[in-house]
N, C-alpha and C. Protein backbone atom coordinates (compact mmCIF):
# COMPACT_ATOMS: atom_id res chain seq x y z
N MET A 1 -5.42 -83.41 -2.59
CA MET A 1 -5.50 -83.63 -4.01
C MET A 1 -6.51 -82.74 -4.72
N PHE A 2 -6.07 -82.41 -5.91
CA PHE A 2 -6.98 -81.53 -6.68
C PHE A 2 -7.60 -82.23 -7.73
N ALA A 3 -8.73 -81.85 -8.16
CA ALA A 3 -9.53 -82.61 -9.05
C ALA A 3 -9.86 -81.80 -10.20
N PHE A 4 -10.14 -82.28 -11.38
CA PHE A 4 -10.62 -81.61 -12.66
C PHE A 4 -11.60 -82.53 -13.32
N LEU A 5 -12.40 -81.75 -14.42
CA LEU A 5 -13.30 -82.63 -14.97
C LEU A 5 -12.86 -83.19 -16.44
N ASN A 6 -11.81 -82.49 -17.07
CA ASN A 6 -11.57 -82.86 -18.39
C ASN A 6 -10.14 -82.08 -18.92
N GLY A 7 -9.79 -82.65 -20.13
CA GLY A 7 -8.55 -82.04 -20.57
C GLY A 7 -8.68 -80.51 -20.68
N ARG A 8 -9.87 -79.94 -21.08
CA ARG A 8 -9.98 -78.45 -21.35
C ARG A 8 -9.87 -77.87 -20.02
N VAL A 9 -10.44 -78.18 -18.96
CA VAL A 9 -10.04 -77.73 -17.55
C VAL A 9 -8.60 -77.75 -17.16
N CYS A 10 -7.94 -78.96 -17.54
CA CYS A 10 -6.54 -79.31 -17.13
C CYS A 10 -5.76 -78.10 -17.80
N ARG A 11 -6.01 -77.94 -19.01
CA ARG A 11 -5.30 -77.02 -19.57
C ARG A 11 -5.34 -75.42 -18.99
N ALA A 12 -6.81 -75.26 -18.63
CA ALA A 12 -7.00 -73.91 -18.20
C ALA A 12 -6.37 -73.70 -16.65
N LEU A 13 -6.20 -74.92 -15.89
CA LEU A 13 -5.42 -74.68 -14.63
C LEU A 13 -3.97 -74.52 -14.91
N LEU A 14 -3.30 -75.29 -15.92
CA LEU A 14 -2.00 -75.04 -16.27
C LEU A 14 -1.42 -73.73 -16.69
N LEU A 15 -2.59 -73.28 -17.60
CA LEU A 15 -2.41 -71.72 -18.17
C LEU A 15 -2.40 -70.78 -17.01
N ALA A 16 -3.36 -71.00 -16.20
CA ALA A 16 -3.39 -69.95 -14.81
C ALA A 16 -2.16 -70.07 -14.20
N LEU A 17 -1.73 -71.28 -13.89
CA LEU A 17 -0.50 -71.40 -13.17
C LEU A 17 0.62 -70.42 -13.82
N CYS A 18 0.75 -70.75 -15.21
CA CYS A 18 1.94 -70.24 -15.76
C CYS A 18 1.83 -68.69 -15.95
N THR A 19 0.50 -68.25 -15.76
CA THR A 19 0.33 -66.96 -16.05
C THR A 19 0.68 -66.03 -14.68
N LEU A 20 0.66 -66.87 -13.64
CA LEU A 20 1.06 -66.29 -12.21
C LEU A 20 2.46 -66.25 -12.20
N ILE A 21 3.02 -67.13 -12.74
CA ILE A 21 4.59 -67.45 -12.39
C ILE A 21 5.60 -67.09 -13.35
N ALA A 22 4.97 -66.43 -14.57
CA ALA A 22 5.96 -66.20 -15.56
C ALA A 22 6.52 -64.90 -15.54
N ALA A 23 6.17 -63.99 -14.80
CA ALA A 23 6.70 -62.67 -14.86
C ALA A 23 7.96 -62.58 -14.40
N CYS A 24 8.52 -63.32 -13.61
CA CYS A 24 9.98 -63.01 -13.11
C CYS A 24 10.94 -64.34 -13.65
N GLY A 25 12.19 -64.09 -13.52
CA GLY A 25 13.19 -65.19 -13.87
C GLY A 25 14.31 -64.54 -14.50
N ASP A 26 15.27 -65.18 -15.23
CA ASP A 26 16.52 -65.00 -15.67
C ASP A 26 16.37 -63.84 -16.75
N LYS A 27 16.49 -62.67 -16.38
CA LYS A 27 16.22 -61.59 -17.31
C LYS A 27 17.12 -61.67 -18.59
N ALA A 28 18.11 -62.14 -18.48
CA ALA A 28 19.14 -62.02 -19.59
C ALA A 28 19.03 -63.29 -20.41
N VAL A 29 18.17 -64.15 -20.15
CA VAL A 29 17.73 -65.43 -20.98
C VAL A 29 16.53 -65.28 -21.79
N ASN A 30 16.24 -65.50 -22.95
CA ASN A 30 15.18 -65.35 -23.78
C ASN A 30 14.30 -66.85 -23.75
N TRP A 31 13.74 -67.11 -22.55
CA TRP A 31 12.96 -68.48 -22.46
C TRP A 31 11.75 -68.58 -23.45
N THR A 32 11.74 -69.65 -23.80
CA THR A 32 10.40 -69.86 -24.64
C THR A 32 9.19 -70.47 -23.64
N LEU A 33 9.80 -71.39 -22.81
CA LEU A 33 9.05 -72.05 -21.96
C LEU A 33 8.63 -71.00 -20.92
N TYR A 34 7.83 -71.70 -19.80
CA TYR A 34 7.42 -70.75 -18.62
C TYR A 34 8.44 -70.68 -17.68
N ASP A 35 8.65 -69.65 -17.18
CA ASP A 35 9.99 -69.36 -16.36
C ASP A 35 9.27 -69.40 -14.85
N ILE A 36 9.79 -70.52 -14.16
CA ILE A 36 9.07 -70.78 -12.75
C ILE A 36 10.20 -70.51 -11.67
N LYS A 37 11.20 -69.92 -12.01
CA LYS A 37 12.39 -69.85 -11.00
C LYS A 37 11.86 -68.99 -9.79
N GLY A 38 12.14 -69.45 -8.63
CA GLY A 38 11.56 -68.88 -7.36
C GLY A 38 10.16 -68.87 -7.11
N HIS A 39 9.34 -69.77 -7.89
CA HIS A 39 7.73 -69.78 -7.69
C HIS A 39 7.37 -71.30 -7.32
N LEU A 40 8.38 -72.31 -7.33
CA LEU A 40 7.88 -73.45 -7.12
C LEU A 40 9.24 -74.13 -6.21
N PRO A 41 8.84 -74.80 -5.24
CA PRO A 41 9.93 -75.41 -4.31
C PRO A 41 10.80 -76.35 -5.07
N ASP A 42 12.02 -76.45 -4.51
CA ASP A 42 13.17 -77.32 -4.98
C ASP A 42 12.55 -78.76 -5.14
N LEU A 43 13.20 -79.61 -5.88
CA LEU A 43 13.08 -80.94 -6.20
C LEU A 43 13.39 -81.62 -4.92
N THR A 44 12.31 -82.12 -4.25
CA THR A 44 12.44 -83.04 -3.00
C THR A 44 11.44 -84.16 -3.06
N PHE A 45 12.06 -85.20 -3.05
CA PHE A 45 11.31 -86.61 -2.83
C PHE A 45 11.72 -87.82 -2.44
N GLN A 46 11.09 -88.71 -1.99
CA GLN A 46 11.64 -90.08 -1.74
C GLN A 46 10.55 -90.98 -1.80
N LEU A 47 10.69 -91.80 -2.79
CA LEU A 47 9.68 -92.66 -3.37
C LEU A 47 10.33 -94.03 -3.67
N PRO A 48 9.44 -94.91 -3.76
CA PRO A 48 10.10 -96.50 -4.21
C PRO A 48 10.25 -96.55 -5.47
N GLY A 49 11.14 -97.06 -5.89
CA GLY A 49 11.56 -97.52 -7.27
C GLY A 49 11.75 -98.76 -7.61
N ALA A 50 12.25 -99.17 -8.68
CA ALA A 50 12.38 -100.53 -9.23
C ALA A 50 13.48 -101.23 -8.25
N GLY A 51 13.12 -102.69 -8.26
CA GLY A 51 14.16 -103.32 -7.60
C GLY A 51 14.39 -103.18 -6.04
N GLY A 52 13.17 -102.64 -5.66
CA GLY A 52 13.04 -102.56 -4.06
C GLY A 52 13.89 -101.29 -3.48
N LYS A 53 14.37 -100.51 -4.39
CA LYS A 53 15.17 -99.30 -4.21
C LYS A 53 14.42 -98.14 -3.86
N THR A 54 14.86 -97.41 -2.70
CA THR A 54 14.14 -96.05 -2.69
C THR A 54 14.98 -95.01 -3.33
N VAL A 55 14.12 -94.17 -4.16
CA VAL A 55 14.91 -93.09 -4.74
C VAL A 55 14.55 -91.70 -4.27
N THR A 56 15.56 -90.86 -4.34
CA THR A 56 15.43 -89.54 -3.65
C THR A 56 16.00 -88.57 -4.43
N ASN A 57 15.74 -87.21 -4.17
CA ASN A 57 16.30 -86.21 -5.03
C ASN A 57 17.83 -86.29 -4.98
N ASP A 58 18.39 -86.96 -3.80
CA ASP A 58 19.87 -86.86 -3.75
C ASP A 58 20.50 -87.76 -4.87
N ASP A 59 19.66 -88.72 -5.32
CA ASP A 59 20.20 -89.51 -6.51
C ASP A 59 20.29 -88.78 -7.84
N LEU A 60 19.53 -87.69 -7.85
CA LEU A 60 19.85 -86.84 -9.14
C LEU A 60 20.55 -85.53 -9.10
N LYS A 61 21.25 -85.49 -7.92
CA LYS A 61 22.28 -84.22 -7.67
C LYS A 61 23.05 -84.26 -9.00
N GLY A 62 23.18 -83.00 -9.50
CA GLY A 62 24.07 -82.71 -10.70
C GLY A 62 23.41 -82.96 -11.93
N LYS A 63 21.93 -83.46 -12.06
CA LYS A 63 21.41 -83.77 -13.23
C LYS A 63 20.13 -82.71 -13.39
N THR A 64 19.91 -82.23 -14.63
CA THR A 64 18.86 -81.56 -15.19
C THR A 64 17.77 -82.49 -14.96
N VAL A 65 16.49 -82.28 -14.39
CA VAL A 65 15.34 -83.43 -14.29
C VAL A 65 14.26 -82.75 -14.94
N LEU A 66 13.51 -83.62 -15.84
CA LEU A 66 12.25 -83.44 -16.40
C LEU A 66 11.19 -84.19 -15.73
N LEU A 67 10.52 -83.59 -14.81
CA LEU A 67 9.43 -84.17 -13.84
C LEU A 67 8.23 -84.29 -14.64
N PHE A 68 7.55 -85.58 -14.60
CA PHE A 68 6.18 -85.45 -15.29
C PHE A 68 5.39 -86.56 -14.25
N PHE A 69 4.26 -86.17 -14.19
CA PHE A 69 3.07 -87.14 -13.45
C PHE A 69 2.37 -87.91 -14.52
N GLY A 70 2.14 -88.98 -14.23
CA GLY A 70 1.06 -89.68 -15.06
C GLY A 70 0.84 -91.13 -14.65
N TYR A 71 0.80 -92.08 -15.77
CA TYR A 71 0.60 -93.54 -15.19
C TYR A 71 0.85 -94.38 -16.37
N ALA A 72 1.14 -95.65 -16.08
CA ALA A 72 1.45 -96.55 -17.23
C ALA A 72 0.45 -96.68 -18.12
N SER A 73 -0.74 -97.02 -17.75
CA SER A 73 -1.80 -97.34 -18.63
C SER A 73 -2.52 -96.21 -19.27
N CYS A 74 -2.19 -95.09 -18.99
CA CYS A 74 -2.56 -93.80 -19.78
C CYS A 74 -2.62 -94.13 -21.28
N PRO A 75 -3.64 -93.85 -21.83
CA PRO A 75 -3.80 -94.05 -23.21
C PRO A 75 -3.32 -93.11 -24.17
N ASP A 76 -3.07 -91.64 -23.61
CA ASP A 76 -2.81 -90.89 -24.59
C ASP A 76 -1.68 -89.73 -24.16
N ILE A 77 -1.88 -89.15 -22.97
CA ILE A 77 -1.03 -88.02 -22.61
C ILE A 77 0.29 -88.65 -22.39
N CYS A 78 0.62 -89.70 -21.49
CA CYS A 78 1.70 -90.11 -21.17
C CYS A 78 2.53 -90.58 -22.13
N PRO A 79 2.08 -91.57 -22.99
CA PRO A 79 2.86 -92.09 -24.13
C PRO A 79 3.37 -90.97 -25.14
N THR A 80 2.57 -90.03 -25.31
CA THR A 80 2.95 -88.87 -26.14
C THR A 80 3.99 -87.91 -25.52
N THR A 81 3.79 -87.75 -24.18
CA THR A 81 4.72 -86.85 -23.60
C THR A 81 6.23 -87.49 -23.37
N MET A 82 6.04 -89.06 -23.02
CA MET A 82 7.34 -89.56 -22.96
C MET A 82 7.87 -89.81 -24.37
N ALA A 83 7.17 -89.86 -25.51
CA ALA A 83 7.75 -90.02 -26.65
C ALA A 83 8.48 -88.59 -27.19
N GLN A 84 7.89 -87.59 -26.74
CA GLN A 84 8.28 -86.21 -27.10
C GLN A 84 9.63 -85.86 -26.28
N LEU A 85 9.82 -86.57 -24.86
CA LEU A 85 10.84 -86.05 -24.08
C LEU A 85 11.96 -86.96 -24.51
N THR A 86 11.73 -88.10 -25.03
CA THR A 86 12.72 -88.91 -25.64
C THR A 86 13.32 -88.42 -26.75
N ALA A 87 12.61 -87.70 -27.65
CA ALA A 87 12.89 -86.91 -28.74
C ALA A 87 13.89 -85.85 -28.51
N VAL A 88 13.42 -85.17 -27.25
CA VAL A 88 14.20 -83.97 -26.82
C VAL A 88 15.63 -84.40 -26.51
N LEU A 89 15.67 -85.54 -25.79
CA LEU A 89 16.82 -86.03 -25.35
C LEU A 89 17.88 -86.55 -26.52
N GLN A 90 17.26 -87.06 -27.63
CA GLN A 90 18.13 -87.28 -28.72
C GLN A 90 18.40 -86.15 -29.43
N GLN A 91 17.73 -85.06 -29.44
CA GLN A 91 18.26 -83.88 -30.23
C GLN A 91 19.34 -83.07 -29.31
N LEU A 92 19.26 -83.18 -27.98
CA LEU A 92 20.24 -82.57 -27.12
C LEU A 92 21.69 -83.18 -27.28
N GLY A 93 21.76 -84.20 -27.84
CA GLY A 93 23.14 -85.05 -28.24
C GLY A 93 23.73 -85.10 -27.02
N ASP A 94 25.09 -84.61 -26.88
CA ASP A 94 25.88 -84.90 -25.73
C ASP A 94 25.45 -84.13 -24.47
N ASP A 95 24.76 -83.22 -24.62
CA ASP A 95 24.00 -82.22 -23.60
C ASP A 95 23.07 -83.14 -22.64
N ALA A 96 22.61 -84.41 -23.19
CA ALA A 96 21.65 -85.07 -22.55
C ALA A 96 22.24 -85.95 -21.65
N ARG A 97 23.54 -86.14 -21.54
CA ARG A 97 24.39 -87.07 -20.63
C ARG A 97 23.83 -86.84 -19.13
N ASP A 98 23.56 -85.53 -18.86
CA ASP A 98 23.28 -85.26 -17.38
C ASP A 98 21.74 -84.79 -17.20
N VAL A 99 20.75 -85.16 -18.19
CA VAL A 99 19.41 -84.97 -18.17
C VAL A 99 18.87 -86.13 -17.96
N ARG A 100 17.72 -86.22 -16.90
CA ARG A 100 17.17 -87.37 -16.53
C ARG A 100 15.51 -87.22 -16.55
N ILE A 101 14.64 -88.03 -17.16
CA ILE A 101 13.26 -88.06 -17.00
C ILE A 101 12.90 -88.64 -15.84
N LEU A 102 12.02 -88.01 -14.91
CA LEU A 102 11.62 -88.61 -13.64
C LEU A 102 9.96 -88.63 -14.05
N PHE A 103 9.53 -89.93 -14.06
CA PHE A 103 8.01 -90.27 -14.18
C PHE A 103 7.36 -90.46 -12.99
N VAL A 104 6.57 -89.90 -12.27
CA VAL A 104 5.79 -90.22 -11.17
C VAL A 104 4.50 -90.84 -11.51
N SER A 105 4.23 -91.93 -11.01
CA SER A 105 2.87 -92.38 -11.28
C SER A 105 1.90 -91.97 -10.16
N VAL A 106 0.70 -91.35 -10.64
CA VAL A 106 -0.37 -91.16 -9.64
C VAL A 106 -1.39 -92.23 -9.51
N ASP A 107 -1.05 -93.47 -10.01
CA ASP A 107 -2.03 -94.57 -9.92
C ASP A 107 -1.06 -95.76 -9.56
N PRO A 108 -0.84 -95.60 -7.91
CA PRO A 108 -0.07 -96.73 -7.38
C PRO A 108 -0.77 -97.98 -7.28
N HIS A 109 -2.17 -98.03 -7.30
CA HIS A 109 -2.75 -99.21 -7.09
C HIS A 109 -2.57 -100.40 -8.34
N ARG A 110 -2.27 -99.84 -9.51
CA ARG A 110 -1.95 -100.66 -10.68
C ARG A 110 -0.38 -100.48 -11.06
N ASP A 111 0.22 -99.46 -10.72
CA ASP A 111 1.57 -99.29 -11.12
C ASP A 111 2.74 -99.54 -9.93
N THR A 112 3.21 -100.82 -10.06
CA THR A 112 4.21 -101.07 -9.00
C THR A 112 5.56 -100.60 -9.36
N PRO A 113 6.41 -100.25 -8.88
CA PRO A 113 7.66 -99.56 -9.27
C PRO A 113 8.37 -100.31 -10.49
N ASP A 114 8.40 -101.62 -10.47
CA ASP A 114 8.95 -102.46 -11.40
C ASP A 114 8.31 -102.20 -12.87
N LYS A 115 6.97 -102.36 -12.57
CA LYS A 115 6.05 -102.09 -13.88
C LYS A 115 6.26 -100.80 -14.52
N LEU A 116 6.46 -99.88 -13.42
CA LEU A 116 6.63 -98.32 -14.11
C LEU A 116 7.94 -98.34 -14.77
N GLN A 117 8.96 -98.92 -14.21
CA GLN A 117 10.23 -98.89 -14.68
C GLN A 117 10.29 -99.48 -16.01
N ALA A 118 9.56 -100.63 -16.21
CA ALA A 118 9.66 -101.27 -17.41
C ALA A 118 9.08 -100.37 -18.51
N TYR A 119 8.02 -99.62 -18.19
CA TYR A 119 7.22 -98.65 -19.00
C TYR A 119 8.09 -97.59 -19.37
N VAL A 120 8.80 -96.87 -18.63
CA VAL A 120 9.54 -95.78 -19.04
C VAL A 120 10.87 -96.19 -19.77
N ASP A 121 11.33 -97.54 -19.37
CA ASP A 121 12.51 -98.10 -20.25
C ASP A 121 12.18 -98.18 -21.62
N ALA A 122 10.98 -98.42 -22.05
CA ALA A 122 10.42 -98.71 -23.21
C ALA A 122 10.78 -97.47 -24.09
N PHE A 123 10.77 -96.28 -23.54
CA PHE A 123 10.97 -95.13 -24.07
C PHE A 123 12.61 -94.48 -24.15
N ASN A 124 12.94 -94.50 -23.00
CA ASN A 124 14.32 -94.08 -22.60
C ASN A 124 15.00 -94.78 -21.17
N ASN A 125 16.14 -95.37 -21.58
CA ASN A 125 16.75 -96.24 -20.53
C ASN A 125 17.32 -95.24 -19.61
N GLN A 126 17.32 -94.11 -19.64
CA GLN A 126 17.91 -93.19 -18.57
C GLN A 126 16.85 -92.30 -17.80
N ALA A 127 15.50 -93.05 -18.09
CA ALA A 127 14.31 -92.33 -17.38
C ALA A 127 14.19 -93.12 -16.12
N ILE A 128 13.54 -92.55 -14.97
CA ILE A 128 13.45 -93.23 -13.81
C ILE A 128 11.84 -93.14 -13.48
N GLY A 129 11.32 -94.41 -13.25
CA GLY A 129 10.04 -94.42 -12.64
C GLY A 129 9.81 -94.60 -11.36
N VAL A 130 8.88 -93.91 -10.70
CA VAL A 130 8.72 -94.01 -9.23
C VAL A 130 7.14 -93.88 -8.86
N THR A 131 6.61 -94.35 -7.82
CA THR A 131 5.43 -94.27 -7.27
C THR A 131 5.28 -94.21 -5.62
N GLY A 132 4.24 -94.66 -5.08
CA GLY A 132 4.30 -94.38 -3.61
C GLY A 132 3.13 -94.81 -3.20
N THR A 133 2.82 -94.51 -1.92
CA THR A 133 1.47 -94.50 -1.27
C THR A 133 0.43 -93.33 -1.82
N GLU A 134 -0.68 -93.52 -1.53
CA GLU A 134 -1.61 -92.38 -1.84
C GLU A 134 -1.22 -91.17 -1.34
N LYS A 135 -0.79 -91.22 -0.08
CA LYS A 135 -0.49 -89.92 0.48
C LYS A 135 0.91 -89.27 0.20
N GLN A 136 2.01 -90.32 -0.09
CA GLN A 136 3.10 -89.98 -0.78
C GLN A 136 2.90 -89.10 -2.12
N ILE A 137 2.20 -89.66 -2.82
CA ILE A 137 1.95 -89.17 -4.38
C ILE A 137 0.87 -87.83 -4.29
N ALA A 138 -0.02 -87.82 -3.31
CA ALA A 138 -0.89 -86.65 -3.17
C ALA A 138 -0.05 -85.47 -2.62
N ASP A 139 1.03 -85.72 -1.60
CA ASP A 139 1.64 -84.83 -1.21
C ASP A 139 2.65 -84.03 -2.08
N LEU A 140 3.22 -84.90 -3.04
CA LEU A 140 4.19 -84.57 -3.99
C LEU A 140 3.47 -83.71 -5.14
N ALA A 141 2.41 -84.22 -5.61
CA ALA A 141 1.53 -83.61 -6.54
C ALA A 141 1.00 -82.13 -6.14
N ARG A 142 0.80 -82.11 -4.73
CA ARG A 142 0.17 -80.76 -4.05
C ARG A 142 1.41 -79.83 -4.08
N ARG A 143 2.62 -80.26 -3.86
CA ARG A 143 3.99 -79.50 -3.84
C ARG A 143 4.25 -78.80 -5.02
N TYR A 144 3.84 -79.49 -6.26
CA TYR A 144 3.95 -78.90 -7.58
C TYR A 144 2.70 -78.35 -7.97
N ARG A 145 1.62 -78.53 -7.55
CA ARG A 145 0.31 -78.10 -7.81
C ARG A 145 -0.21 -78.84 -9.20
N VAL A 146 0.07 -80.03 -8.84
CA VAL A 146 -0.46 -80.99 -10.02
C VAL A 146 -1.91 -81.67 -9.80
N ALA A 147 -2.69 -81.45 -10.68
CA ALA A 147 -4.23 -82.19 -10.44
C ALA A 147 -4.18 -83.38 -11.15
N TYR A 148 -5.06 -84.23 -10.24
CA TYR A 148 -5.30 -85.60 -10.83
C TYR A 148 -6.34 -86.27 -9.80
N GLN A 149 -6.84 -87.15 -10.48
CA GLN A 149 -8.25 -87.74 -9.78
C GLN A 149 -8.19 -89.27 -10.26
N ILE A 150 -8.41 -90.16 -9.36
CA ILE A 150 -8.59 -91.73 -9.77
C ILE A 150 -10.11 -91.82 -9.67
N GLU A 151 -10.84 -92.06 -10.90
CA GLU A 151 -12.15 -92.39 -10.58
C GLU A 151 -12.57 -93.97 -10.07
N LYS A 152 -13.56 -93.81 -9.66
CA LYS A 152 -14.20 -95.40 -9.18
C LYS A 152 -14.68 -96.23 -10.34
N PRO A 153 -14.30 -97.58 -10.29
CA PRO A 153 -14.73 -98.42 -11.25
C PRO A 153 -16.20 -98.23 -11.55
N ARG A 154 -16.89 -98.73 -12.66
CA ARG A 154 -18.24 -98.47 -12.92
C ARG A 154 -18.61 -99.67 -12.55
N PRO A 155 -20.00 -99.56 -12.33
CA PRO A 155 -20.67 -100.81 -11.68
C PRO A 155 -20.46 -102.07 -12.55
N GLY A 156 -20.16 -103.21 -12.07
CA GLY A 156 -20.01 -104.29 -12.87
C GLY A 156 -18.58 -104.48 -13.31
N ASP A 157 -17.72 -103.40 -13.33
CA ASP A 157 -16.34 -103.50 -13.74
C ASP A 157 -15.53 -104.10 -12.79
N ALA A 158 -14.11 -104.58 -13.07
CA ALA A 158 -13.17 -105.37 -12.20
C ALA A 158 -12.70 -104.21 -11.24
N ALA A 159 -12.15 -104.38 -10.30
CA ALA A 159 -11.71 -103.53 -9.22
C ALA A 159 -10.61 -102.74 -9.78
N ASP A 160 -9.81 -103.18 -10.84
CA ASP A 160 -8.65 -102.56 -11.40
C ASP A 160 -8.94 -101.95 -12.87
N LEU A 161 -10.22 -102.07 -13.08
CA LEU A 161 -10.59 -101.25 -14.37
C LEU A 161 -11.13 -99.91 -14.01
N TYR A 162 -10.58 -98.78 -14.09
CA TYR A 162 -11.07 -97.38 -13.64
C TYR A 162 -10.17 -96.43 -14.66
N ASP A 163 -10.79 -95.24 -14.76
CA ASP A 163 -10.00 -93.93 -15.39
C ASP A 163 -9.29 -93.28 -14.35
N VAL A 164 -8.17 -92.66 -14.66
CA VAL A 164 -7.34 -91.71 -14.07
C VAL A 164 -7.31 -90.47 -14.93
N THR A 165 -7.40 -89.21 -14.29
CA THR A 165 -7.26 -88.06 -14.95
C THR A 165 -6.22 -87.09 -14.32
N HIS A 166 -5.27 -86.63 -15.32
CA HIS A 166 -4.22 -85.76 -14.32
C HIS A 166 -3.83 -84.74 -15.32
N SER A 167 -3.32 -83.68 -14.95
CA SER A 167 -2.95 -82.50 -15.61
C SER A 167 -1.62 -82.77 -16.23
N ARG A 168 -1.37 -82.02 -17.45
CA ARG A 168 -0.44 -82.20 -18.26
C ARG A 168 0.98 -81.07 -17.70
N GLY A 169 1.94 -81.23 -18.45
CA GLY A 169 3.03 -80.37 -17.92
C GLY A 169 4.25 -80.88 -17.41
N VAL A 170 5.50 -80.49 -17.91
CA VAL A 170 6.66 -81.20 -17.55
C VAL A 170 7.54 -80.10 -16.69
N TYR A 171 7.90 -80.38 -15.66
CA TYR A 171 8.50 -79.39 -14.71
C TYR A 171 10.09 -79.70 -14.84
N ILE A 172 10.83 -78.68 -14.92
CA ILE A 172 12.17 -78.83 -15.36
C ILE A 172 13.07 -78.01 -14.31
N PHE A 173 13.81 -79.00 -13.65
CA PHE A 173 14.71 -78.42 -12.60
C PHE A 173 16.31 -78.45 -13.09
N ASP A 174 16.93 -77.54 -12.36
CA ASP A 174 18.40 -77.34 -13.01
C ASP A 174 19.17 -78.38 -12.11
N ASN A 175 20.44 -78.43 -12.47
CA ASN A 175 21.37 -79.42 -11.78
C ASN A 175 21.61 -79.15 -10.23
N GLU A 176 20.81 -78.19 -9.58
CA GLU A 176 21.00 -78.03 -8.21
C GLU A 176 19.60 -78.34 -7.66
N GLY A 177 18.72 -78.83 -8.39
CA GLY A 177 17.24 -79.00 -8.02
C GLY A 177 16.42 -78.04 -7.84
N LYS A 178 16.80 -76.92 -8.54
CA LYS A 178 15.89 -75.70 -8.36
C LYS A 178 14.82 -75.69 -9.51
N ALA A 179 13.60 -75.44 -9.31
CA ALA A 179 12.42 -75.28 -10.26
C ALA A 179 12.98 -74.19 -11.24
N ARG A 180 12.88 -74.37 -12.52
CA ARG A 180 13.46 -73.31 -13.47
C ARG A 180 12.37 -73.27 -14.68
N LEU A 181 11.76 -74.37 -14.99
CA LEU A 181 11.02 -74.12 -16.28
C LEU A 181 9.72 -75.00 -16.36
N LEU A 182 8.76 -74.81 -16.94
CA LEU A 182 7.42 -75.54 -17.13
C LEU A 182 7.04 -75.62 -18.33
N ALA A 183 7.21 -76.67 -19.09
CA ALA A 183 6.74 -76.95 -20.59
C ALA A 183 5.32 -77.41 -20.57
N SER A 184 4.58 -76.98 -21.24
CA SER A 184 2.92 -77.16 -21.38
C SER A 184 2.94 -78.12 -22.41
N ASP A 185 1.59 -78.83 -22.77
CA ASP A 185 1.52 -79.75 -23.68
C ASP A 185 1.52 -79.24 -25.06
N THR A 186 1.51 -77.69 -25.24
CA THR A 186 1.62 -77.14 -26.65
C THR A 186 2.76 -76.65 -26.96
N ASP A 187 3.78 -76.97 -25.98
CA ASP A 187 5.17 -76.66 -26.40
C ASP A 187 5.84 -77.72 -27.21
N SER A 188 6.50 -77.08 -28.36
CA SER A 188 6.94 -77.87 -29.30
C SER A 188 8.37 -78.76 -28.89
N THR A 189 8.83 -79.98 -29.59
CA THR A 189 10.05 -80.60 -29.15
C THR A 189 11.13 -79.22 -29.32
N ASP A 190 11.31 -78.65 -30.44
CA ASP A 190 12.36 -77.54 -30.58
C ASP A 190 12.46 -76.61 -29.48
N ALA A 191 11.43 -76.03 -29.01
CA ALA A 191 11.22 -75.19 -27.81
C ALA A 191 11.85 -75.81 -26.77
N ILE A 192 11.52 -77.07 -26.03
CA ILE A 192 11.93 -77.53 -25.02
C ILE A 192 13.54 -77.83 -25.22
N VAL A 193 13.87 -78.23 -26.52
CA VAL A 193 15.60 -78.47 -26.65
C VAL A 193 16.23 -77.12 -26.49
N LYS A 194 15.73 -75.92 -26.99
CA LYS A 194 16.16 -74.92 -27.07
C LYS A 194 16.41 -74.29 -25.71
N ASP A 195 15.42 -74.34 -24.88
CA ASP A 195 15.47 -73.75 -23.43
C ASP A 195 16.32 -74.91 -22.64
N LEU A 196 16.24 -76.03 -22.93
CA LEU A 196 17.29 -76.87 -22.04
C LEU A 196 18.66 -76.68 -22.27
N ARG A 197 18.99 -76.40 -23.63
CA ARG A 197 20.27 -75.91 -23.97
C ARG A 197 20.64 -74.67 -23.19
N GLN A 198 19.86 -73.86 -23.11
CA GLN A 198 20.05 -72.48 -22.48
C GLN A 198 20.33 -72.85 -20.91
N LEU A 199 19.39 -73.65 -20.49
CA LEU A 199 19.67 -73.92 -18.93
C LEU A 199 20.88 -74.61 -18.60
N ILE A 200 20.99 -75.57 -19.28
CA ILE A 200 22.41 -76.42 -19.03
C ILE A 200 23.76 -75.39 -19.11
N ASN A 201 23.56 -74.65 -20.25
CA ASN A 201 24.70 -73.67 -20.47
C ASN A 201 24.98 -72.64 -19.13
N ILE A 202 23.77 -72.04 -18.76
CA ILE A 202 23.83 -71.18 -17.59
C ILE A 202 24.29 -71.69 -16.47
N THR A 203 23.91 -73.09 -16.13
CA THR A 203 24.10 -73.78 -14.96
C THR A 203 25.39 -74.74 -14.91
N GLN A 204 26.18 -74.57 -15.82
CA GLN A 204 27.12 -75.63 -15.94
C GLN A 204 28.32 -74.94 -15.00
């Protein structure tokens, strides 16, 4: 598991990652987002979902996937990102039919799969919420270089009252599960829509 101190450090980590991996990619396409083709592993996971179902990458075959790590009680980053991704899908129109938001909770102590699915459903009913054990989440986060930390409750606070810090960024995988693009928290909705349309067009 990676740790960081605040949002400023989070952004520095994301920018450092993007600088390292933005050099290569589809030469014929003018990407606005960070091109991560060939620099991060394919989408591979197996995590508990709502209704006692296990969700895996096989369930998303043929879909373009927007992967985001967060947690249901996040006060700012997560609802803002989910609202933006929902707006992205709305602007995509018919192209959104085969696009899925995959929200992975880094707070498995409070986020049950059913609670998490209810959270993402409030934004988009095509979104998928999953979580897992501490080890499962740590392994998946490490796979995609995601930073997060669960703080200990303050003295006198209830056991389920604590802060969670996590990095920002939406990882975009094509319909074959290949890592293709990374959207940072500074990328506009229009920029994400533009690159998603390009990605969908070149992978159809």
